[in-house]
Amino acid sequence: MRSRTMVAVLGISSALGPVLSAQSSAPTPPQVVVSGTGEARIVTDRATLMLGVQTRAATAGLAATDNARRLRAILDTLKAVGLASEQLTTMNYNVAPEMQYPAGGNQPPKVTGYVVTNTVRADLHRIDDVGRVIDAALAKGANEISSLQLFSSKADSARRAALAAAVADARAQAEVLARASGGTLGSLIEISSTQEPIRPALPARRQPWQA
């Protein structure tokens, strides 16, 4: 990840001289404002996978029963391949009618059946588990893979390292500017930061879900 830090620091020097403010007779201390950039690299080692189960039947009850049976089979199988209960979450349960619209629009639409959808979120602690988790879920009735998000467990430490590097970069620039102006660097006055989105890199080896 990359972090950019804006730092304003105080330079004390008689060569720079005080600056009078338009609203006040008090002198404004000389300041040096710099921008520093820090970067830390991280590697993907975790994944979040969304597995969907969609079922259809003539009634909502039949569709829900079939969906629940498939979902239970998927959860049991994922636990059998090594996932703990806290790594699995069911979410986004939905029941919707399937409608038939007569040609010409002279007749009202009628319900021809019901669709039930449910989603399992699997939080994987190892990238190598992605392929076998997908295969196991599909074998037990999952019919939607709606999302695969890759991230790193070291994101927080990388963010802190990038921030520290950005501050060090900004201070080094400020010291150069202060010396070049005939002054010395004083205390930190203000600091703020902006961060670019984290884009963890995939490991170089081929992953099991890649062709």
N, C-alpha and C. Protein backbone atom coordinates (compact mmCIF):
# COMPACT_ATOMS: atom_id res chain seq x y z
N MET A 1 0.84 -1.18 0.00
CA MET A 1 0.00 0.00 0.00
C MET A 1 0.88 1.24 0.00
N ARG A 2 0.31 2.36 -0.39
CA ARG A 2 1.04 3.62 -0.46
C ARG A 2 0.33 4.64 0.41
N SER A 3 1.12 5.43 1.14
CA SER A 3 0.58 6.48 1.99
C SER A 3 1.27 7.80 1.67
N ARG A 4 0.49 8.86 1.60
CA ARG A 4 1.05 10.20 1.36
C ARG A 4 0.75 11.08 2.56
N THR A 5 1.80 11.73 3.08
CA THR A 5 1.67 12.55 4.28
C THR A 5 2.08 13.99 3.99
N MET A 6 1.21 14.93 4.34
CA MET A 6 1.54 16.35 4.27
C MET A 6 1.99 16.79 5.65
N VAL A 7 3.17 17.35 5.74
CA VAL A 7 3.73 17.75 7.02
C VAL A 7 4.12 19.22 6.97
N ALA A 8 3.72 20.01 7.98
CA ALA A 8 4.19 21.39 8.12
C ALA A 8 5.09 21.43 9.34
N VAL A 9 6.32 21.88 9.19
CA VAL A 9 7.26 21.93 10.30
C VAL A 9 7.79 23.35 10.45
N LEU A 10 8.27 23.66 11.65
CA LEU A 10 8.74 25.01 11.96
C LEU A 10 10.24 25.13 11.71
N GLY A 11 10.64 26.14 10.95
CA GLY A 11 12.04 26.43 10.75
C GLY A 11 12.41 27.71 11.50
N ILE A 12 13.40 27.68 12.35
CA ILE A 12 13.80 28.84 13.14
C ILE A 12 15.11 29.39 12.59
N SER A 13 15.06 30.60 12.12
CA SER A 13 16.29 31.21 11.59
C SER A 13 16.08 32.70 11.45
N SER A 14 17.08 33.49 11.88
CA SER A 14 16.99 34.93 11.70
C SER A 14 17.13 35.31 10.23
N ALA A 15 17.73 34.42 9.45
CA ALA A 15 17.88 34.70 8.02
C ALA A 15 16.52 34.69 7.33
N LEU A 16 15.60 33.82 7.81
CA LEU A 16 14.27 33.77 7.19
C LEU A 16 13.44 34.97 7.62
N GLY A 17 13.55 35.33 8.90
CA GLY A 17 12.85 36.50 9.40
C GLY A 17 11.38 36.23 9.64
N PRO A 18 10.74 36.98 10.58
CA PRO A 18 9.31 36.81 10.85
C PRO A 18 8.46 37.41 9.73
N VAL A 19 7.24 36.87 9.59
CA VAL A 19 6.30 37.35 8.60
C VAL A 19 5.11 37.95 9.34
N LEU A 20 4.72 39.21 9.03
CA LEU A 20 3.61 39.87 9.71
C LEU A 20 2.30 39.45 9.07
N SER A 21 1.32 39.11 9.90
CA SER A 21 0.00 38.74 9.41
C SER A 21 -0.83 39.99 9.16
N ALA A 22 -1.76 39.92 8.18
CA ALA A 22 -2.60 41.07 7.85
C ALA A 22 -3.60 41.36 8.97
N GLN A 23 -4.00 40.30 9.75
CA GLN A 23 -4.98 40.51 10.81
C GLN A 23 -4.34 40.77 12.17
N SER A 24 -3.07 40.55 12.32
CA SER A 24 -2.44 40.66 13.63
C SER A 24 -1.04 41.22 13.48
N SER A 25 -0.61 41.92 14.54
CA SER A 25 0.75 42.45 14.54
C SER A 25 1.77 41.42 15.00
N ALA A 26 1.29 40.28 15.52
CA ALA A 26 2.21 39.25 15.98
C ALA A 26 2.88 38.58 14.78
N PRO A 27 4.18 38.33 14.87
CA PRO A 27 4.86 37.69 13.75
C PRO A 27 4.44 36.24 13.57
N THR A 28 4.30 35.83 12.32
CA THR A 28 4.00 34.43 11.99
C THR A 28 5.31 33.66 11.85
N PRO A 29 5.50 32.58 12.58
CA PRO A 29 6.76 31.85 12.49
C PRO A 29 6.92 31.24 11.10
N PRO A 30 8.15 31.22 10.60
CA PRO A 30 8.38 30.62 9.28
C PRO A 30 8.07 29.13 9.29
N GLN A 31 7.50 28.66 8.20
CA GLN A 31 7.11 27.25 8.10
C GLN A 31 7.63 26.64 6.81
N VAL A 32 7.87 25.36 6.87
CA VAL A 32 8.20 24.57 5.69
C VAL A 32 7.12 23.51 5.53
N VAL A 33 6.47 23.47 4.37
CA VAL A 33 5.40 22.50 4.11
C VAL A 33 5.88 21.53 3.03
N VAL A 34 5.87 20.25 3.35
CA VAL A 34 6.38 19.24 2.42
C VAL A 34 5.39 18.10 2.31
N SER A 35 5.56 17.29 1.27
CA SER A 35 4.74 16.10 1.05
C SER A 35 5.65 14.88 1.01
N GLY A 36 5.36 13.89 1.81
CA GLY A 36 6.15 12.67 1.83
C GLY A 36 5.33 11.47 1.41
N THR A 37 5.99 10.48 0.82
CA THR A 37 5.32 9.28 0.35
C THR A 37 6.01 8.05 0.92
N GLY A 38 5.22 7.11 1.42
CA GLY A 38 5.75 5.84 1.92
C GLY A 38 5.00 4.68 1.31
N GLU A 39 5.65 3.56 1.12
CA GLU A 39 5.03 2.40 0.50
C GLU A 39 5.49 1.13 1.19
N ALA A 40 4.57 0.20 1.39
CA ALA A 40 4.89 -1.11 1.96
C ALA A 40 4.20 -2.18 1.12
N ARG A 41 4.91 -3.23 0.79
CA ARG A 41 4.37 -4.29 -0.05
C ARG A 41 3.88 -5.46 0.80
N ILE A 42 2.71 -5.98 0.44
CA ILE A 42 2.15 -7.13 1.13
C ILE A 42 1.69 -8.16 0.11
N VAL A 43 1.61 -9.41 0.53
CA VAL A 43 1.22 -10.51 -0.34
C VAL A 43 -0.11 -11.09 0.13
N THR A 44 -0.97 -11.40 -0.81
CA THR A 44 -2.27 -11.99 -0.50
C THR A 44 -2.09 -13.32 0.22
N ASP A 45 -2.78 -13.48 1.36
CA ASP A 45 -2.75 -14.78 2.06
C ASP A 45 -4.11 -15.18 2.61
N ARG A 46 -5.15 -14.38 2.36
CA ARG A 46 -6.50 -14.69 2.83
C ARG A 46 -7.50 -14.48 1.68
N ALA A 47 -8.70 -15.06 1.82
CA ALA A 47 -9.72 -14.89 0.80
C ALA A 47 -11.10 -14.96 1.44
N THR A 48 -12.06 -14.24 0.85
CA THR A 48 -13.46 -14.34 1.22
C THR A 48 -14.24 -14.77 0.00
N LEU A 49 -15.00 -15.84 0.13
CA LEU A 49 -15.71 -16.45 -1.00
C LEU A 49 -17.20 -16.43 -0.72
N MET A 50 -18.00 -16.00 -1.72
CA MET A 50 -19.45 -16.01 -1.62
C MET A 50 -20.01 -17.13 -2.48
N LEU A 51 -20.66 -18.10 -1.84
CA LEU A 51 -21.23 -19.26 -2.53
C LEU A 51 -22.75 -19.18 -2.45
N GLY A 52 -23.44 -19.26 -3.58
CA GLY A 52 -24.88 -19.12 -3.60
C GLY A 52 -25.60 -20.42 -3.91
N VAL A 53 -26.80 -20.56 -3.33
CA VAL A 53 -27.69 -21.69 -3.61
C VAL A 53 -29.02 -21.11 -4.08
N GLN A 54 -29.40 -21.46 -5.28
CA GLN A 54 -30.68 -21.00 -5.83
C GLN A 54 -31.54 -22.20 -6.20
N THR A 55 -32.77 -22.23 -5.70
CA THR A 55 -33.68 -23.34 -5.98
C THR A 55 -35.01 -22.81 -6.49
N ARG A 56 -35.69 -23.64 -7.32
CA ARG A 56 -36.99 -23.29 -7.88
C ARG A 56 -37.98 -24.42 -7.62
N ALA A 57 -39.23 -24.03 -7.38
CA ALA A 57 -40.28 -25.03 -7.18
C ALA A 57 -41.64 -24.37 -7.41
N ALA A 58 -42.68 -25.20 -7.47
CA ALA A 58 -44.02 -24.67 -7.72
C ALA A 58 -44.52 -23.84 -6.54
N THR A 59 -44.07 -24.17 -5.34
CA THR A 59 -44.48 -23.40 -4.16
C THR A 59 -43.25 -22.88 -3.42
N ALA A 60 -43.48 -21.84 -2.64
CA ALA A 60 -42.37 -21.26 -1.88
C ALA A 60 -41.85 -22.26 -0.85
N GLY A 61 -42.76 -23.05 -0.26
CA GLY A 61 -42.35 -24.03 0.74
C GLY A 61 -41.43 -25.09 0.16
N LEU A 62 -41.77 -25.61 -1.01
CA LEU A 62 -40.92 -26.63 -1.64
C LEU A 62 -39.56 -26.05 -2.02
N ALA A 63 -39.55 -24.84 -2.55
CA ALA A 63 -38.28 -24.21 -2.94
C ALA A 63 -37.42 -23.96 -1.70
N ALA A 64 -38.04 -23.54 -0.60
CA ALA A 64 -37.29 -23.27 0.63
C ALA A 64 -36.74 -24.56 1.23
N THR A 65 -37.53 -25.63 1.18
CA THR A 65 -37.08 -26.91 1.72
C THR A 65 -35.88 -27.45 0.95
N ASP A 66 -35.96 -27.38 -0.37
CA ASP A 66 -34.84 -27.84 -1.21
C ASP A 66 -33.60 -26.99 -0.96
N ASN A 67 -33.81 -25.68 -0.82
CA ASN A 67 -32.69 -24.78 -0.58
C ASN A 67 -32.02 -25.10 0.75
N ALA A 68 -32.81 -25.29 1.79
CA ALA A 68 -32.27 -25.59 3.11
C ALA A 68 -31.49 -26.90 3.11
N ARG A 69 -31.99 -27.91 2.38
CA ARG A 69 -31.30 -29.19 2.30
C ARG A 69 -29.94 -29.04 1.64
N ARG A 70 -29.89 -28.31 0.52
CA ARG A 70 -28.62 -28.11 -0.17
C ARG A 70 -27.65 -27.29 0.69
N LEU A 71 -28.18 -26.26 1.33
CA LEU A 71 -27.32 -25.40 2.15
C LEU A 71 -26.70 -26.18 3.30
N ARG A 72 -27.50 -27.03 3.95
CA ARG A 72 -26.96 -27.83 5.05
C ARG A 72 -25.88 -28.78 4.55
N ALA A 73 -26.09 -29.36 3.39
CA ALA A 73 -25.07 -30.26 2.82
C ALA A 73 -23.78 -29.51 2.52
N ILE A 74 -23.92 -28.27 2.03
CA ILE A 74 -22.73 -27.46 1.72
C ILE A 74 -21.98 -27.11 3.00
N LEU A 75 -22.69 -26.66 4.02
CA LEU A 75 -22.05 -26.28 5.28
C LEU A 75 -21.35 -27.47 5.93
N ASP A 76 -22.02 -28.63 5.92
CA ASP A 76 -21.41 -29.83 6.51
C ASP A 76 -20.14 -30.22 5.75
N THR A 77 -20.19 -30.11 4.43
CA THR A 77 -19.03 -30.47 3.62
C THR A 77 -17.87 -29.51 3.84
N LEU A 78 -18.16 -28.21 3.92
CA LEU A 78 -17.09 -27.23 4.13
C LEU A 78 -16.45 -27.41 5.51
N LYS A 79 -17.24 -27.78 6.49
CA LYS A 79 -16.65 -28.08 7.81
C LYS A 79 -15.79 -29.34 7.74
N ALA A 80 -16.22 -30.30 6.92
CA ALA A 80 -15.47 -31.55 6.79
C ALA A 80 -14.12 -31.34 6.11
N VAL A 81 -14.02 -30.32 5.25
CA VAL A 81 -12.73 -30.07 4.58
C VAL A 81 -11.84 -29.14 5.40
N GLY A 82 -12.30 -28.76 6.60
CA GLY A 82 -11.40 -28.03 7.50
C GLY A 82 -11.82 -26.65 7.93
N LEU A 83 -12.96 -26.13 7.45
CA LEU A 83 -13.38 -24.79 7.85
C LEU A 83 -14.12 -24.84 9.18
N ALA A 84 -13.80 -23.90 10.07
CA ALA A 84 -14.47 -23.83 11.37
C ALA A 84 -15.82 -23.11 11.22
N SER A 85 -16.68 -23.29 12.21
CA SER A 85 -18.02 -22.68 12.15
C SER A 85 -17.95 -21.17 12.03
N GLU A 86 -16.99 -20.55 12.73
CA GLU A 86 -16.88 -19.09 12.68
C GLU A 86 -16.39 -18.57 11.33
N GLN A 87 -15.93 -19.46 10.47
CA GLN A 87 -15.50 -19.05 9.12
C GLN A 87 -16.66 -19.06 8.13
N LEU A 88 -17.83 -19.54 8.54
CA LEU A 88 -18.97 -19.69 7.64
C LEU A 88 -20.15 -18.87 8.14
N THR A 89 -20.74 -18.08 7.23
CA THR A 89 -21.88 -17.24 7.58
C THR A 89 -22.92 -17.34 6.48
N THR A 90 -24.19 -17.56 6.85
CA THR A 90 -25.27 -17.54 5.86
C THR A 90 -25.86 -16.14 5.83
N MET A 91 -26.19 -15.68 4.62
CA MET A 91 -26.66 -14.31 4.46
C MET A 91 -27.46 -14.18 3.17
N ASN A 92 -28.16 -13.05 3.04
CA ASN A 92 -28.89 -12.69 1.81
C ASN A 92 -29.95 -13.71 1.41
N TYR A 93 -30.73 -14.18 2.38
CA TYR A 93 -31.83 -15.11 2.08
C TYR A 93 -32.95 -14.34 1.40
N ASN A 94 -33.49 -14.94 0.30
CA ASN A 94 -34.52 -14.23 -0.46
C ASN A 94 -35.49 -15.22 -1.09
N VAL A 95 -36.79 -14.88 -1.05
CA VAL A 95 -37.84 -15.66 -1.69
C VAL A 95 -38.57 -14.73 -2.66
N ALA A 96 -38.67 -15.15 -3.92
CA ALA A 96 -39.31 -14.30 -4.93
C ALA A 96 -40.17 -15.15 -5.86
N PRO A 97 -41.33 -14.63 -6.26
CA PRO A 97 -42.17 -15.38 -7.21
C PRO A 97 -41.63 -15.26 -8.63
N GLU A 98 -41.87 -16.30 -9.40
CA GLU A 98 -41.61 -16.23 -10.84
C GLU A 98 -42.93 -15.91 -11.53
N MET A 99 -42.91 -14.87 -12.36
CA MET A 99 -44.14 -14.38 -12.96
C MET A 99 -44.20 -14.69 -14.45
N GLN A 100 -45.41 -14.95 -14.92
CA GLN A 100 -45.65 -15.12 -16.36
C GLN A 100 -46.57 -14.00 -16.82
N TYR A 101 -46.12 -13.27 -17.85
CA TYR A 101 -46.88 -12.12 -18.35
C TYR A 101 -47.51 -12.50 -19.70
N PRO A 102 -48.83 -12.60 -19.77
CA PRO A 102 -49.50 -12.99 -21.03
C PRO A 102 -49.22 -11.99 -22.14
N ALA A 103 -49.16 -12.51 -23.36
CA ALA A 103 -48.92 -11.65 -24.52
C ALA A 103 -50.09 -10.69 -24.69
N GLY A 104 -49.81 -9.50 -25.11
CA GLY A 104 -50.83 -8.49 -25.35
C GLY A 104 -51.16 -7.65 -24.14
N GLY A 105 -50.87 -8.16 -22.96
CA GLY A 105 -51.09 -7.38 -21.75
C GLY A 105 -52.54 -7.27 -21.33
N ASN A 106 -53.44 -8.09 -21.91
CA ASN A 106 -54.85 -8.00 -21.57
C ASN A 106 -55.20 -8.77 -20.30
N GLN A 107 -54.34 -9.68 -19.89
CA GLN A 107 -54.57 -10.49 -18.71
C GLN A 107 -53.52 -10.15 -17.65
N PRO A 108 -53.90 -10.23 -16.40
CA PRO A 108 -52.91 -9.95 -15.35
C PRO A 108 -51.86 -11.05 -15.29
N PRO A 109 -50.66 -10.73 -14.86
CA PRO A 109 -49.62 -11.76 -14.75
C PRO A 109 -49.99 -12.77 -13.67
N LYS A 110 -49.45 -13.97 -13.82
CA LYS A 110 -49.74 -15.00 -12.82
C LYS A 110 -48.42 -15.61 -12.32
N VAL A 111 -48.48 -16.11 -11.11
CA VAL A 111 -47.31 -16.73 -10.49
C VAL A 111 -47.19 -18.16 -10.99
N THR A 112 -46.01 -18.50 -11.52
CA THR A 112 -45.77 -19.86 -12.02
C THR A 112 -44.87 -20.68 -11.10
N GLY A 113 -44.27 -20.04 -10.13
CA GLY A 113 -43.38 -20.75 -9.22
C GLY A 113 -42.65 -19.77 -8.31
N TYR A 114 -41.73 -20.29 -7.54
CA TYR A 114 -40.98 -19.47 -6.59
C TYR A 114 -39.49 -19.80 -6.66
N VAL A 115 -38.68 -18.75 -6.45
CA VAL A 115 -37.22 -18.90 -6.43
C VAL A 115 -36.72 -18.51 -5.05
N VAL A 116 -35.93 -19.39 -4.45
CA VAL A 116 -35.32 -19.12 -3.15
C VAL A 116 -33.81 -19.08 -3.33
N THR A 117 -33.19 -18.04 -2.84
CA THR A 117 -31.74 -17.92 -2.92
C THR A 117 -31.17 -17.71 -1.52
N ASN A 118 -30.00 -18.25 -1.31
CA ASN A 118 -29.29 -18.10 -0.04
C ASN A 118 -27.81 -18.08 -0.34
N THR A 119 -27.05 -17.38 0.49
CA THR A 119 -25.62 -17.21 0.25
C THR A 119 -24.82 -17.62 1.48
N VAL A 120 -23.73 -18.31 1.23
CA VAL A 120 -22.79 -18.67 2.30
C VAL A 120 -21.51 -17.87 2.09
N ARG A 121 -21.10 -17.17 3.12
CA ARG A 121 -19.82 -16.48 3.09
C ARG A 121 -18.78 -17.36 3.78
N ALA A 122 -17.71 -17.67 3.06
CA ALA A 122 -16.63 -18.48 3.60
C ALA A 122 -15.38 -17.63 3.72
N ASP A 123 -14.87 -17.46 4.94
CA ASP A 123 -13.64 -16.71 5.18
C ASP A 123 -12.48 -17.72 5.27
N LEU A 124 -11.62 -17.67 4.27
CA LEU A 124 -10.55 -18.66 4.16
C LEU A 124 -9.24 -18.10 4.68
N HIS A 125 -8.56 -18.86 5.51
CA HIS A 125 -7.30 -18.43 6.10
C HIS A 125 -6.09 -18.82 5.25
N ARG A 126 -6.35 -19.56 4.17
CA ARG A 126 -5.27 -19.96 3.27
C ARG A 126 -5.76 -19.82 1.83
N ILE A 127 -4.95 -19.19 0.99
CA ILE A 127 -5.30 -19.03 -0.42
C ILE A 127 -5.44 -20.40 -1.09
N ASP A 128 -4.64 -21.36 -0.68
CA ASP A 128 -4.67 -22.68 -1.31
C ASP A 128 -5.99 -23.41 -1.09
N ASP A 129 -6.83 -22.92 -0.16
CA ASP A 129 -8.11 -23.58 0.11
C ASP A 129 -9.20 -23.17 -0.88
N VAL A 130 -8.98 -22.13 -1.66
CA VAL A 130 -10.04 -21.60 -2.53
C VAL A 130 -10.55 -22.65 -3.50
N GLY A 131 -9.65 -23.32 -4.20
CA GLY A 131 -10.06 -24.29 -5.22
C GLY A 131 -10.85 -25.44 -4.65
N ARG A 132 -10.39 -26.03 -3.57
CA ARG A 132 -11.09 -27.20 -3.04
C ARG A 132 -12.40 -26.82 -2.35
N VAL A 133 -12.49 -25.60 -1.80
CA VAL A 133 -13.75 -25.15 -1.21
C VAL A 133 -14.80 -24.96 -2.31
N ILE A 134 -14.42 -24.35 -3.42
CA ILE A 134 -15.35 -24.18 -4.54
C ILE A 134 -15.81 -25.53 -5.06
N ASP A 135 -14.88 -26.44 -5.28
CA ASP A 135 -15.24 -27.77 -5.80
C ASP A 135 -16.18 -28.50 -4.85
N ALA A 136 -15.89 -28.43 -3.55
CA ALA A 136 -16.72 -29.12 -2.56
C ALA A 136 -18.13 -28.53 -2.52
N ALA A 137 -18.25 -27.20 -2.59
CA ALA A 137 -19.56 -26.55 -2.55
C ALA A 137 -20.38 -26.87 -3.79
N LEU A 138 -19.76 -26.82 -4.96
CA LEU A 138 -20.47 -27.13 -6.20
C LEU A 138 -20.96 -28.56 -6.21
N ALA A 139 -20.18 -29.47 -5.66
CA ALA A 139 -20.56 -30.88 -5.63
C ALA A 139 -21.78 -31.13 -4.74
N LYS A 140 -22.04 -30.23 -3.78
CA LYS A 140 -23.16 -30.41 -2.85
C LYS A 140 -24.35 -29.52 -3.15
N GLY A 141 -24.36 -28.85 -4.30
CA GLY A 141 -25.55 -28.11 -4.70
C GLY A 141 -25.41 -26.62 -4.85
N ALA A 142 -24.25 -26.06 -4.55
CA ALA A 142 -24.08 -24.63 -4.83
C ALA A 142 -24.12 -24.40 -6.33
N ASN A 143 -24.79 -23.35 -6.77
CA ASN A 143 -24.88 -23.07 -8.20
C ASN A 143 -24.56 -21.62 -8.54
N GLU A 144 -24.02 -20.87 -7.57
CA GLU A 144 -23.58 -19.49 -7.82
C GLU A 144 -22.28 -19.22 -7.06
N ILE A 145 -21.30 -18.69 -7.74
CA ILE A 145 -20.09 -18.17 -7.11
C ILE A 145 -20.12 -16.67 -7.39
N SER A 146 -20.60 -15.90 -6.42
CA SER A 146 -20.89 -14.48 -6.69
C SER A 146 -19.72 -13.56 -6.43
N SER A 147 -18.74 -13.99 -5.62
CA SER A 147 -17.65 -13.07 -5.28
C SER A 147 -16.46 -13.84 -4.74
N LEU A 148 -15.27 -13.41 -5.13
CA LEU A 148 -14.02 -13.90 -4.56
C LEU A 148 -13.14 -12.69 -4.30
N GLN A 149 -12.90 -12.39 -3.03
CA GLN A 149 -12.08 -11.24 -2.65
C GLN A 149 -10.81 -11.73 -1.98
N LEU A 150 -9.67 -11.21 -2.45
CA LEU A 150 -8.37 -11.59 -1.90
C LEU A 150 -7.82 -10.44 -1.07
N PHE A 151 -7.22 -10.75 0.06
CA PHE A 151 -6.65 -9.71 0.91
C PHE A 151 -5.51 -10.29 1.72
N SER A 152 -4.91 -9.46 2.54
CA SER A 152 -3.75 -9.87 3.33
C SER A 152 -4.02 -9.70 4.81
N SER A 153 -3.56 -10.64 5.61
CA SER A 153 -3.69 -10.55 7.06
C SER A 153 -2.72 -9.53 7.64
N LYS A 154 -1.77 -9.06 6.83
CA LYS A 154 -0.75 -8.12 7.30
C LYS A 154 -1.04 -6.69 6.86
N ALA A 155 -2.29 -6.41 6.49
CA ALA A 155 -2.62 -5.08 5.97
C ALA A 155 -2.39 -3.98 7.00
N ASP A 156 -2.74 -4.24 8.25
CA ASP A 156 -2.59 -3.20 9.28
C ASP A 156 -1.12 -2.86 9.52
N SER A 157 -0.26 -3.87 9.62
CA SER A 157 1.16 -3.60 9.84
C SER A 157 1.77 -2.91 8.63
N ALA A 158 1.31 -3.27 7.43
CA ALA A 158 1.81 -2.61 6.22
C ALA A 158 1.39 -1.15 6.18
N ARG A 159 0.17 -0.87 6.64
CA ARG A 159 -0.32 0.52 6.67
C ARG A 159 0.54 1.36 7.64
N ARG A 160 0.84 0.78 8.79
CA ARG A 160 1.67 1.52 9.75
C ARG A 160 3.08 1.75 9.21
N ALA A 161 3.62 0.74 8.53
CA ALA A 161 4.96 0.89 7.97
C ALA A 161 4.98 1.97 6.88
N ALA A 162 3.93 2.00 6.05
CA ALA A 162 3.86 3.02 4.99
C ALA A 162 3.73 4.42 5.58
N LEU A 163 2.95 4.56 6.63
CA LEU A 163 2.81 5.86 7.28
C LEU A 163 4.14 6.33 7.87
N ALA A 164 4.85 5.42 8.53
CA ALA A 164 6.15 5.79 9.12
C ALA A 164 7.14 6.20 8.03
N ALA A 165 7.13 5.48 6.92
CA ALA A 165 8.03 5.82 5.81
C ALA A 165 7.68 7.17 5.20
N ALA A 166 6.37 7.47 5.11
CA ALA A 166 5.94 8.75 4.56
C ALA A 166 6.37 9.91 5.45
N VAL A 167 6.25 9.75 6.76
CA VAL A 167 6.67 10.80 7.69
C VAL A 167 8.17 11.02 7.61
N ALA A 168 8.93 9.92 7.56
CA ALA A 168 10.39 10.04 7.46
C ALA A 168 10.80 10.74 6.17
N ASP A 169 10.11 10.42 5.08
CA ASP A 169 10.40 11.06 3.79
C ASP A 169 10.12 12.55 3.85
N ALA A 170 8.97 12.91 4.44
CA ALA A 170 8.60 14.32 4.54
C ALA A 170 9.60 15.08 5.42
N ARG A 171 10.00 14.50 6.54
CA ARG A 171 10.93 15.19 7.43
C ARG A 171 12.29 15.39 6.76
N ALA A 172 12.75 14.38 6.01
CA ALA A 172 14.03 14.51 5.33
C ALA A 172 14.00 15.66 4.33
N GLN A 173 12.88 15.78 3.60
CA GLN A 173 12.76 16.89 2.65
C GLN A 173 12.73 18.24 3.37
N ALA A 174 12.01 18.28 4.50
CA ALA A 174 11.92 19.54 5.24
C ALA A 174 13.29 19.97 5.78
N GLU A 175 14.08 19.01 6.24
CA GLU A 175 15.42 19.35 6.74
C GLU A 175 16.29 19.94 5.64
N VAL A 176 16.19 19.37 4.43
CA VAL A 176 16.97 19.90 3.30
C VAL A 176 16.54 21.33 3.00
N LEU A 177 15.24 21.57 2.95
CA LEU A 177 14.74 22.91 2.64
C LEU A 177 15.13 23.92 3.72
N ALA A 178 15.06 23.51 4.98
CA ALA A 178 15.42 24.42 6.06
C ALA A 178 16.89 24.81 5.99
N ARG A 179 17.77 23.83 5.76
CA ARG A 179 19.20 24.13 5.66
C ARG A 179 19.50 25.01 4.46
N ALA A 180 18.84 24.72 3.32
CA ALA A 180 19.08 25.50 2.12
C ALA A 180 18.64 26.96 2.30
N SER A 181 17.68 27.19 3.19
CA SER A 181 17.20 28.55 3.45
C SER A 181 17.97 29.23 4.57
N GLY A 182 18.97 28.56 5.10
CA GLY A 182 19.76 29.14 6.16
C GLY A 182 19.16 28.98 7.53
N GLY A 183 18.21 28.07 7.68
CA GLY A 183 17.57 27.87 8.97
C GLY A 183 17.77 26.46 9.49
N THR A 184 17.15 26.17 10.60
CA THR A 184 17.17 24.82 11.18
C THR A 184 15.74 24.36 11.40
N LEU A 185 15.56 23.07 11.37
CA LEU A 185 14.22 22.50 11.48
C LEU A 185 13.76 22.49 12.92
N GLY A 186 12.55 22.97 13.15
CA GLY A 186 12.00 23.00 14.49
C GLY A 186 10.96 21.92 14.71
N SER A 187 10.01 22.19 15.59
CA SER A 187 9.01 21.20 15.98
C SER A 187 7.95 21.03 14.89
N LEU A 188 7.32 19.86 14.90
CA LEU A 188 6.22 19.57 13.99
C LEU A 188 5.01 20.41 14.35
N ILE A 189 4.40 21.05 13.36
CA ILE A 189 3.23 21.89 13.59
C ILE A 189 1.95 21.15 13.27
N GLU A 190 1.91 20.49 12.12
CA GLU A 190 0.67 19.84 11.68
C GLU A 190 1.03 18.66 10.78
N ILE A 191 0.19 17.62 10.83
CA ILE A 191 0.40 16.46 9.98
C ILE A 191 -0.94 15.88 9.57
N SER A 192 -1.06 15.47 8.33
CA SER A 192 -2.26 14.79 7.84
C SER A 192 -1.84 13.76 6.81
N SER A 193 -2.71 12.78 6.57
CA SER A 193 -2.32 11.71 5.65
C SER A 193 -3.49 11.29 4.78
N THR A 194 -3.17 10.81 3.60
CA THR A 194 -4.13 10.17 2.70
C THR A 194 -3.53 8.85 2.27
N GLN A 195 -4.39 7.86 2.03
CA GLN A 195 -3.90 6.53 1.70
C GLN A 195 -4.57 6.02 0.44
N GLU A 196 -3.78 5.42 -0.42
CA GLU A 196 -4.31 4.77 -1.61
C GLU A 196 -4.88 3.41 -1.22
N PRO A 197 -5.83 2.87 -2.01
CA PRO A 197 -6.39 1.56 -1.69
C PRO A 197 -5.30 0.49 -1.67
N ILE A 198 -5.47 -0.47 -0.75
CA ILE A 198 -4.51 -1.57 -0.66
C ILE A 198 -4.75 -2.53 -1.81
N ARG A 199 -3.69 -2.84 -2.53
CA ARG A 199 -3.78 -3.80 -3.64
C ARG A 199 -2.75 -4.90 -3.40
N PRO A 200 -3.10 -5.87 -2.55
CA PRO A 200 -2.14 -6.93 -2.26
C PRO A 200 -1.85 -7.76 -3.50
N ALA A 201 -0.61 -8.16 -3.66
CA ALA A 201 -0.19 -8.93 -4.83
C ALA A 201 -0.45 -10.41 -4.61
N LEU A 202 -0.81 -11.10 -5.68
CA LEU A 202 -0.94 -12.55 -5.62
C LEU A 202 0.43 -13.20 -5.54
N PRO A 203 0.54 -14.35 -4.86
CA PRO A 203 1.79 -15.08 -4.90
C PRO A 203 2.15 -15.46 -6.33
N ALA A 204 3.42 -15.63 -6.58
CA ALA A 204 3.88 -15.90 -7.94
C ALA A 204 3.43 -17.26 -8.44
N ARG A 205 3.23 -18.24 -7.50
CA ARG A 205 2.88 -19.58 -7.94
C ARG A 205 1.46 -19.61 -8.48
N ARG A 206 1.16 -20.60 -9.32
CA ARG A 206 -0.16 -20.76 -9.90
C ARG A 206 -1.14 -21.22 -8.82
N GLN A 207 -2.33 -20.62 -8.81
CA GLN A 207 -3.33 -20.97 -7.83
C GLN A 207 -4.22 -22.10 -8.35
N PRO A 208 -4.84 -22.89 -7.44
CA PRO A 208 -5.59 -24.05 -7.88
C PRO A 208 -6.82 -23.74 -8.71
N TRP A 209 -7.37 -22.50 -8.58
CA TRP A 209 -8.56 -22.16 -9.37
C TRP A 209 -8.20 -21.53 -10.72
N GLN A 210 -6.90 -21.32 -10.98
CA GLN A 210 -6.49 -20.71 -12.24
C GLN A 210 -6.31 -21.78 -13.30
N ALA A 211 -6.67 -21.45 -14.54
CA ALA A 211 -6.54 -22.41 -15.63
C ALA A 211 -5.08 -22.59 -16.01
